[in-house]
Amino acid sequence: MTTPAPKAVFGDYLELTKPRLSMLSVMTTLIGYAAARPPWVPVEFIALLIGTSLAAGGVAALNQWFEADTDARMKRTASRPIPAGKIPDGTAFIIGIMACIVALGLIFAKVNGLAALFTLLTIFSYLLWYTPAKRTSRWSTEIGALAGAFPPLIGWSAAEGGVSTLGWILFGILVIWQIPHFMAIAWVYRRDYAAVDFPMLSVRDETGNWVAGWSLVNAVLLLILSVLPWPLGLTTALYGVVALLAGLWFLWCAVVFVRPTDRDRSARRLFHASIIYLPITLLALVADRVLFF
């Protein structure tokens, strides 16, 4: 006699959307929108908020549908709704597809075509490029960083109808920030990734020296790029000083990660620093733009 699968509750459907990761996508979209300083158009803003929320949740659901087999074999993901048997994979697929379709239609109709295009690029790059690359490529983290950096361009193009220099710098900050952020995660969970044969750098580099070194390189690049809007005259010294101090602190955490002693602990410290660094820097950017431009 087989044991019936546990019945799904609201929390399981919420977990299918990866709410924390989806919230990051929505927030960076709104950061791009606010930093571009658009006129206040409530319908446009609400459509952008709902549309990006649906797109992020839909992509997350489809990603879990794609990766249900490997999720079931990793300790940190085995309890997700699909491998745990709480949500059928067909249901997850329909939820994901419908959410993405509605998101694209809403953003195209109520925001503009370029914002819808960047939304489509986010969906396609994450599902059709990054997700399969995790099984085959050492560069999957970098591919994922590109896919995950499109949301600010959605917001910026929603505000301006195009993307100016600061919008592209914001895109670059999101790309580079994700490398040390995800390298820290990949090192902490390297045994999980090895168990499903994901050829990530943290799996191939048993010492962690290359993982930490690559994180340090990107922390240096992040410091330079994040401060760049100040000398270009796109922000004032308020943002520049915040970005400089936050970047130096984040860089120090990356330096500590390079040290071979207690690397697991320093990886967790770098991960937590990345979570604190990003909102401080981005909120300083928005505050500077709104107050002084």
Protein backbone atom coordinates (compact mmCIF):
# COMPACT_ATOMS: atom_id res chain seq x y z
CA MET A 1 0.00 0.00 0.00
CA THR A 2 1.49 3.31 -1.08
CA THR A 3 1.50 6.31 1.21
CA PRO A 4 -0.55 9.18 -0.26
CA ALA A 5 1.38 12.33 -1.13
CA PRO A 6 1.01 15.15 1.38
CA LYS A 7 -1.65 17.67 0.43
CA ALA A 8 -0.38 21.02 -0.77
CA VAL A 9 -1.18 24.12 1.27
CA PHE A 10 -0.82 27.79 0.39
CA GLY A 11 2.75 27.85 1.69
CA ASP A 12 3.76 25.16 -0.79
CA TYR A 13 2.49 27.18 -3.73
CA LEU A 14 4.26 30.23 -2.34
CA GLU A 15 7.48 28.24 -2.03
CA LEU A 16 7.11 27.22 -5.67
CA THR A 17 7.67 30.88 -6.59
CA LYS A 18 10.92 31.10 -4.56
CA PRO A 19 9.64 34.22 -2.76
CA ARG A 20 13.01 35.53 -1.52
CA LEU A 21 14.69 35.28 -4.92
CA SER A 22 11.58 36.61 -6.67
CA MET A 23 11.43 39.53 -4.27
CA LEU A 24 15.01 40.43 -5.19
CA SER A 25 14.02 40.55 -8.87
CA VAL A 26 11.01 42.75 -8.13
CA MET A 27 12.98 45.08 -5.87
CA THR A 28 15.80 45.57 -8.37
CA THR A 29 13.20 46.29 -11.05
CA LEU A 30 11.69 48.98 -8.85
CA ILE A 31 15.17 50.32 -8.01
CA GLY A 32 15.83 50.79 -11.73
CA TYR A 33 12.43 52.43 -12.16
CA ALA A 34 12.89 54.84 -9.25
CA ALA A 35 16.50 55.74 -10.11
CA ALA A 36 15.36 56.83 -13.59
CA ARG A 37 13.00 59.34 -11.88
CA PRO A 38 9.88 58.86 -14.02
CA PRO A 39 6.73 60.94 -13.65
CA TRP A 40 4.26 59.32 -11.27
CA VAL A 41 1.83 57.21 -13.29
CA PRO A 42 0.00 54.88 -10.86
CA VAL A 43 -1.35 52.49 -13.51
CA GLU A 44 2.09 52.02 -15.01
CA PHE A 45 3.73 51.48 -11.62
CA ILE A 46 1.13 48.94 -10.47
CA ALA A 47 1.33 47.07 -13.78
CA LEU A 48 5.12 46.97 -13.49
CA LEU A 49 4.92 45.70 -9.90
CA ILE A 50 2.36 43.00 -10.65
CA GLY A 51 3.96 42.03 -13.95
CA THR A 52 7.46 41.59 -12.60
CA SER A 53 6.11 39.69 -9.58
CA LEU A 54 4.28 37.28 -11.87
CA ALA A 55 7.29 36.89 -14.15
CA ALA A 56 9.66 36.20 -11.26
CA GLY A 57 7.29 33.70 -9.67
CA GLY A 58 6.56 32.02 -12.98
CA VAL A 59 10.25 31.63 -13.80
CA ALA A 60 10.87 30.17 -10.34
CA ALA A 61 8.08 27.63 -10.78
CA LEU A 62 9.32 26.59 -14.21
CA ASN A 63 12.88 26.36 -12.92
CA GLN A 64 11.75 23.95 -10.20
CA TRP A 65 9.80 21.99 -12.83
CA PHE A 66 12.98 21.70 -14.94
CA GLU A 67 15.14 20.72 -11.98
CA ALA A 68 12.78 18.45 -10.04
CA ASP A 69 15.09 15.45 -10.57
CA THR A 70 18.23 17.13 -9.24
CA ASP A 71 16.32 18.94 -6.48
CA ALA A 72 15.20 15.54 -5.18
CA ARG A 73 18.82 14.43 -4.86
CA MET A 74 20.16 17.49 -3.00
CA LYS A 75 19.70 17.85 0.74
CA ARG A 76 18.95 21.58 0.66
CA THR A 77 16.28 21.27 -2.06
CA ALA A 78 14.70 17.86 -1.44
CA SER A 79 11.88 19.42 0.59
CA ARG A 80 10.76 21.71 -2.25
CA PRO A 81 7.11 21.21 -3.27
CA ILE A 82 7.69 19.12 -6.42
CA PRO A 83 10.30 16.60 -5.18
CA ALA A 84 8.43 16.36 -1.87
CA GLY A 85 5.33 15.28 -3.81
CA LYS A 86 3.19 18.17 -2.60
CA ILE A 87 2.63 19.78 -6.01
CA PRO A 88 2.45 17.67 -9.23
CA ASP A 89 5.01 18.67 -11.81
CA GLY A 90 2.27 19.28 -14.39
CA THR A 91 0.54 21.72 -12.07
CA ALA A 92 3.81 23.56 -11.45
CA PHE A 93 4.39 23.80 -15.21
CA ILE A 94 0.94 25.28 -15.86
CA ILE A 95 1.31 27.78 -13.00
CA GLY A 96 4.71 28.88 -14.29
CA ILE A 97 3.68 29.21 -17.94
CA MET A 98 0.48 31.10 -17.16
CA ALA A 99 2.24 33.50 -14.78
CA CYS A 100 4.87 34.32 -17.43
CA ILE A 101 2.29 34.83 -20.19
CA VAL A 102 0.14 37.12 -18.05
CA ALA A 103 3.24 39.06 -16.94
CA LEU A 104 4.40 39.67 -20.50
CA GLY A 105 0.92 40.71 -21.65
CA LEU A 106 0.43 43.09 -18.74
CA ILE A 107 3.81 44.78 -19.09
CA PHE A 108 3.45 45.09 -22.86
CA ALA A 109 -0.07 46.54 -22.63
CA LYS A 110 0.31 48.84 -19.63
CA VAL A 111 4.03 49.74 -19.54
CA ASN A 112 5.87 49.58 -22.87
CA GLY A 113 7.33 47.19 -25.42
CA LEU A 114 10.97 47.55 -24.34
CA ALA A 115 10.15 46.66 -20.74
CA ALA A 116 8.25 43.63 -22.04
CA LEU A 117 11.28 42.67 -24.18
CA PHE A 118 13.62 42.78 -21.19
CA THR A 119 11.08 40.71 -19.24
CA LEU A 120 11.08 38.16 -22.05
CA LEU A 121 14.90 38.14 -22.07
CA THR A 122 14.85 37.50 -18.32
CA ILE A 123 12.51 34.54 -18.74
CA PHE A 124 14.34 33.00 -21.69
CA SER A 125 17.88 33.55 -20.39
CA TYR A 126 17.07 32.04 -17.01
CA LEU A 127 15.10 29.03 -18.24
CA LEU A 128 16.69 28.23 -21.61
CA TRP A 129 20.29 29.31 -20.97
CA TYR A 130 21.14 29.31 -17.25
CA THR A 131 19.03 26.35 -16.10
CA PRO A 132 20.44 23.83 -18.63
CA ALA A 133 23.95 25.32 -18.27
CA LYS A 134 24.01 24.25 -14.62
CA ARG A 135 24.22 20.64 -15.82
CA THR A 136 26.91 21.18 -18.44
CA SER A 137 29.02 24.29 -17.94
CA ARG A 138 31.57 25.58 -15.46
CA TRP A 139 30.31 29.08 -16.41
CA SER A 140 26.75 28.53 -15.25
CA THR A 141 27.17 30.97 -12.35
CA GLU A 142 28.26 33.75 -14.69
CA ILE A 143 25.43 32.92 -17.10
CA GLY A 144 23.00 33.06 -14.20
CA ALA A 145 24.42 36.43 -13.17
CA LEU A 146 23.60 37.84 -16.60
CA ALA A 147 20.10 36.40 -16.50
CA GLY A 148 19.53 37.75 -13.00
CA ALA A 149 20.64 41.29 -13.88
CA PHE A 150 17.89 42.08 -16.41
CA PRO A 151 15.25 43.26 -13.87
CA PRO A 152 16.81 46.74 -13.36
CA LEU A 153 16.67 47.18 -17.15
CA ILE A 154 12.96 46.30 -17.04
CA GLY A 155 12.43 49.07 -14.51
CA TRP A 156 14.65 51.60 -16.25
CA SER A 157 13.06 51.05 -19.66
CA ALA A 158 9.62 51.27 -18.03
CA ALA A 159 10.55 54.71 -16.71
CA GLU A 160 12.42 56.13 -19.70
CA GLY A 161 11.35 54.09 -22.69
CA GLY A 162 15.06 53.34 -23.13
CA VAL A 163 18.17 52.65 -21.07
CA SER A 164 20.72 55.42 -20.40
CA THR A 165 24.28 55.13 -19.06
CA LEU A 166 23.32 54.81 -15.39
CA GLY A 167 20.83 52.08 -16.24
CA TRP A 168 23.57 50.01 -17.87
CA ILE A 169 25.89 50.64 -14.92
CA LEU A 170 23.14 49.36 -12.62
CA PHE A 171 22.88 46.27 -14.82
CA GLY A 172 26.65 45.78 -14.51
CA ILE A 173 26.54 46.14 -10.73
CA LEU A 174 23.91 43.39 -10.53
CA VAL A 175 25.93 41.10 -12.82
CA ILE A 176 29.18 41.47 -10.89
CA TRP A 177 27.59 41.42 -7.41
CA GLN A 178 26.09 38.01 -8.12
CA ILE A 179 29.47 36.35 -8.72
CA PRO A 180 30.86 36.56 -5.16
CA HIS A 181 27.32 36.16 -3.79
CA PHE A 182 26.77 32.85 -5.58
CA MET A 183 30.39 31.69 -5.30
CA ALA A 184 29.97 31.84 -1.52
CA ILE A 185 26.76 29.80 -1.76
CA ALA A 186 28.36 27.35 -4.19
CA TRP A 187 31.26 26.75 -1.83
CA VAL A 188 29.06 26.15 1.21
CA TYR A 189 26.86 23.68 -0.74
CA ARG A 190 29.60 22.21 -2.93
CA ARG A 191 28.87 18.64 -1.79
CA ASP A 192 25.22 18.98 -2.79
CA TYR A 193 26.22 20.20 -6.25
CA ALA A 194 28.80 17.42 -6.58
CA ALA A 195 26.13 14.85 -5.72
CA VAL A 196 24.14 15.80 -8.84
CA ASP A 197 27.23 16.27 -11.03
CA PHE A 198 26.83 20.01 -11.56
CA PRO A 199 30.24 21.03 -13.01
CA MET A 200 30.46 24.26 -11.01
CA LEU A 201 33.77 25.87 -10.10
CA SER A 202 33.24 24.98 -6.43
CA VAL A 203 32.94 21.30 -7.43
CA ARG A 204 35.98 21.29 -9.69
CA ASP A 205 38.14 23.35 -7.32
CA GLU A 206 38.46 21.20 -4.22
CA THR A 207 40.81 23.66 -2.49
CA GLY A 208 38.51 26.65 -2.91
CA ASN A 209 41.42 28.84 -4.01
CA TRP A 210 39.98 29.57 -7.45
CA VAL A 211 36.49 30.09 -6.04
CA ALA A 212 37.77 32.63 -3.52
CA GLY A 213 40.12 34.27 -6.01
CA TRP A 214 37.35 34.75 -8.56
CA SER A 215 35.15 36.21 -5.85
CA LEU A 216 37.90 38.68 -4.96
CA VAL A 217 38.39 39.76 -8.58
CA ASN A 218 34.70 40.50 -8.91
CA ALA A 219 34.58 42.32 -5.56
CA VAL A 220 37.30 44.66 -6.89
CA LEU A 221 35.38 45.19 -10.13
CA LEU A 222 32.20 45.80 -8.14
CA LEU A 223 33.88 48.50 -6.06
CA ILE A 224 35.09 50.31 -9.17
CA LEU A 225 31.82 50.05 -11.07
CA SER A 226 29.59 50.99 -8.15
CA VAL A 227 31.56 54.20 -7.49
CA LEU A 228 31.70 55.13 -11.20
CA PRO A 229 28.39 57.09 -11.31
CA TRP A 230 29.88 59.69 -8.94
CA PRO A 231 32.81 60.88 -11.14
CA LEU A 232 30.55 60.65 -14.19
CA GLY A 233 28.24 63.21 -12.59
CA LEU A 234 25.28 60.83 -12.49
CA THR A 235 25.11 60.98 -8.69
CA THR A 236 26.44 63.25 -5.95
CA ALA A 237 29.04 62.53 -3.29
CA LEU A 238 26.29 61.16 -1.02
CA TYR A 239 25.95 58.04 -3.10
CA GLY A 240 29.66 57.96 -3.99
CA VAL A 241 30.81 57.82 -0.37
CA VAL A 242 28.22 55.18 0.58
CA ALA A 243 29.18 53.04 -2.43
CA LEU A 244 32.88 53.44 -1.63
CA LEU A 245 32.56 52.47 2.04
CA ALA A 246 30.16 49.59 1.36
CA GLY A 247 32.36 48.37 -1.48
CA LEU A 248 35.51 48.43 0.66
CA TRP A 249 33.76 46.46 3.39
CA PHE A 250 32.51 43.89 0.88
CA LEU A 251 35.99 43.71 -0.65
CA TRP A 252 37.47 42.97 2.78
CA CYS A 253 35.05 40.08 3.24
CA ALA A 254 36.21 38.73 -0.13
CA VAL A 255 39.85 39.08 0.98
CA VAL A 256 39.08 37.04 4.11
CA PHE A 257 37.48 34.36 1.90
CA VAL A 258 40.78 34.00 0.04
CA ARG A 259 42.52 32.88 3.22
CA PRO A 260 42.50 29.06 3.34
CA THR A 261 41.80 28.85 7.08
CA ASP A 262 38.14 28.30 8.02
CA ARG A 263 36.94 28.92 4.47
CA ASP A 264 33.44 27.63 5.12
CA ARG A 265 32.92 30.27 7.78
CA SER A 266 34.35 33.06 5.64
CA ALA A 267 32.12 31.95 2.74
CA ARG A 268 29.06 32.36 4.95
CA ARG A 269 30.34 35.76 6.07
CA LEU A 270 30.79 36.83 2.44
CA PHE A 271 27.29 35.61 1.61
CA HIS A 272 25.72 37.57 4.47
CA ALA A 273 27.80 40.63 3.55
CA SER A 274 26.49 40.43 -0.02
CA ILE A 275 22.90 40.47 1.26
CA ILE A 276 23.59 43.59 3.33
CA TYR A 277 25.74 45.34 0.69
CA LEU A 278 23.22 45.35 -2.13
CA PRO A 279 20.26 47.13 -0.49
CA ILE A 280 22.56 49.70 1.16
CA THR A 281 24.16 50.60 -2.17
CA LEU A 282 21.00 50.55 -4.26
CA LEU A 283 18.88 52.49 -1.77
CA ALA A 284 21.64 55.10 -1.54
CA LEU A 285 21.55 55.39 -5.33
CA VAL A 286 17.78 55.91 -5.39
CA ALA A 287 17.88 58.40 -2.51
CA ASP A 288 20.63 60.38 -4.22
CA ARG A 289 18.80 60.47 -7.55
CA VAL A 290 15.44 61.41 -6.04
CA LEU A 291 16.82 64.10 -3.73
CA PHE A 292 19.43 65.77 -5.93
CA PHE A 293 18.51 65.20 -9.60
